[in-house]
């Protein structure tokens, strides 16, 4: 079976997502997350989101966003990469895909 366990995905993932948003996502093995987004185009305005996440279909991470109700979805690519997807589970177009990947910090 191709499902991920929380211990293997726990860690901090970083990257710059469109449109120029520096993203740092920390996933904890007990199912909580901290997402820090720094908006480069808005004088480095920072947003910090905390909450819980669930693993759906074995490799989809759903970050539950308690205040807005807009959940955020990532797909686990492998042990070191996750990719931002839409709420239907669709990955970005192939030519755009690399811009949506967060890499795990060692």
Protein backbone atom coordinates (compact mmCIF):
# COMPACT_ATOMS: atom_id res chain seq x y z
CA UNK A 1 0.00 0.00 0.00
CA UNK A 2 1.18 3.44 -0.88
CA UNK A 3 0.13 5.36 2.21
CA UNK A 4 2.38 7.63 4.22
CA UNK A 5 2.69 7.48 7.96
CA UNK A 6 2.86 10.60 10.08
CA UNK A 7 6.36 9.88 11.34
CA UNK A 8 7.75 9.78 7.81
CA UNK A 9 6.16 13.05 6.72
CA UNK A 10 6.76 14.95 9.96
CA UNK A 11 9.22 17.77 9.46
CA UNK A 12 9.54 21.23 8.00
CA UNK A 13 9.02 21.92 4.31
CA UNK A 14 10.09 25.14 2.61
CA UNK A 15 9.72 26.78 -0.75
CA UNK A 16 8.48 29.84 -2.59
CA UNK A 17 5.00 29.35 -4.01
CA UNK A 18 3.20 31.60 -6.49
CA UNK A 19 2.89 34.48 -6.34
CA UNK A 20 6.23 34.98 -4.60
CA UNK A 21 5.06 33.65 -1.23
CA UNK A 22 7.82 32.21 0.92
CA UNK A 23 6.24 29.20 2.59
CA UNK A 24 7.41 27.23 5.61
CA UNK A 25 5.20 24.34 6.70
CA UNK A 26 6.00 22.32 9.79
CA UNK A 27 4.13 19.02 10.17
CA UNK A 28 4.21 17.30 13.54
CA UNK A 29 3.94 13.52 13.95
CA UNK A 30 0.92 13.96 16.21
CA UNK A 31 -1.12 15.61 13.47
CA UNK A 32 -0.71 19.35 13.96
CA UNK A 33 0.87 21.92 11.67
CA UNK A 34 2.28 25.42 11.63
CA UNK A 35 2.22 27.23 8.30
CA UNK A 36 4.13 30.49 7.97
CA UNK A 37 3.66 32.42 4.75
CA UNK A 38 5.67 35.54 3.97
CA UNK A 39 4.21 37.66 1.17
CA UNK A 40 7.19 39.19 -0.64
CA UNK A 41 5.01 41.54 -2.66
CA UNK A 42 3.29 42.92 0.45
CA UNK A 43 6.34 44.25 2.32
CA UNK A 44 7.03 40.77 3.69
CA UNK A 45 3.68 40.65 5.47
CA UNK A 46 3.53 37.39 7.38
CA UNK A 47 0.65 35.01 8.02
CA UNK A 48 0.87 32.24 10.61
CA UNK A 49 -1.70 29.45 10.54
CA UNK A 50 -1.92 26.65 13.07
CA UNK A 51 -4.19 23.68 13.12
CA UNK A 52 -4.46 19.99 12.53
CA UNK A 53 -3.96 17.99 9.37
CA UNK A 54 -5.32 14.72 8.10
CA UNK A 55 -3.97 12.24 5.59
CA UNK A 56 -6.55 11.42 2.92
CA UNK A 57 -6.26 8.64 0.32
CA UNK A 58 -2.88 7.67 1.72
CA UNK A 59 -0.88 10.60 0.35
CA UNK A 60 -3.01 13.75 0.41
CA UNK A 61 -2.47 16.12 3.32
CA UNK A 62 -5.43 18.26 4.27
CA UNK A 63 -4.48 21.18 6.48
CA UNK A 64 -7.62 22.05 8.38
CA UNK A 65 -7.88 25.82 8.61
CA UNK A 66 -10.12 26.46 11.62
CA UNK A 67 -10.64 30.21 11.28
CA UNK A 68 -11.56 30.44 7.58
CA UNK A 69 -12.75 26.92 6.91
CA UNK A 70 -10.71 26.94 3.70
CA UNK A 71 -8.65 23.81 3.94
CA UNK A 72 -5.28 23.65 2.20
CA UNK A 73 -4.21 20.52 0.35
CA UNK A 74 -0.78 19.10 -0.38
CA UNK A 75 0.17 15.82 -2.01
CA UNK A 76 3.14 13.84 -0.75
CA UNK A 77 5.44 13.23 -3.72
CA UNK A 78 8.11 11.29 -1.85
CA UNK A 79 9.89 11.46 1.48
CA UNK A 80 11.28 14.90 0.78
CA UNK A 81 8.74 16.78 -1.34
CA UNK A 82 5.13 17.83 -1.11
CA UNK A 83 3.19 19.73 -3.74
CA UNK A 84 0.35 22.21 -3.33
CA UNK A 85 -2.80 20.89 -5.02
CA UNK A 86 -6.36 22.12 -5.37
CA UNK A 87 -9.26 20.87 -3.30
CA UNK A 88 -10.12 18.33 -6.02
CA UNK A 89 -6.71 16.70 -5.75
CA UNK A 90 -5.42 18.12 -9.03
CA UNK A 91 -1.75 18.98 -9.35
CA UNK A 92 -0.76 22.13 -11.23
CA UNK A 93 0.01 21.86 -14.95
CA UNK A 94 3.31 20.09 -15.69
CA UNK A 95 5.10 23.27 -16.76
CA UNK A 96 4.03 25.02 -13.55
CA UNK A 97 4.44 22.07 -11.21
CA UNK A 98 7.96 22.82 -9.99
CA UNK A 99 6.74 26.19 -8.67
CA UNK A 100 4.35 24.48 -6.25
CA UNK A 101 6.74 22.06 -4.55
CA UNK A 102 7.96 22.43 -0.98
CA UNK A 103 11.18 20.63 -0.01
CA UNK A 104 11.83 19.04 3.33
CA UNK A 105 14.60 20.60 5.37
CA UNK A 106 17.22 18.19 6.62
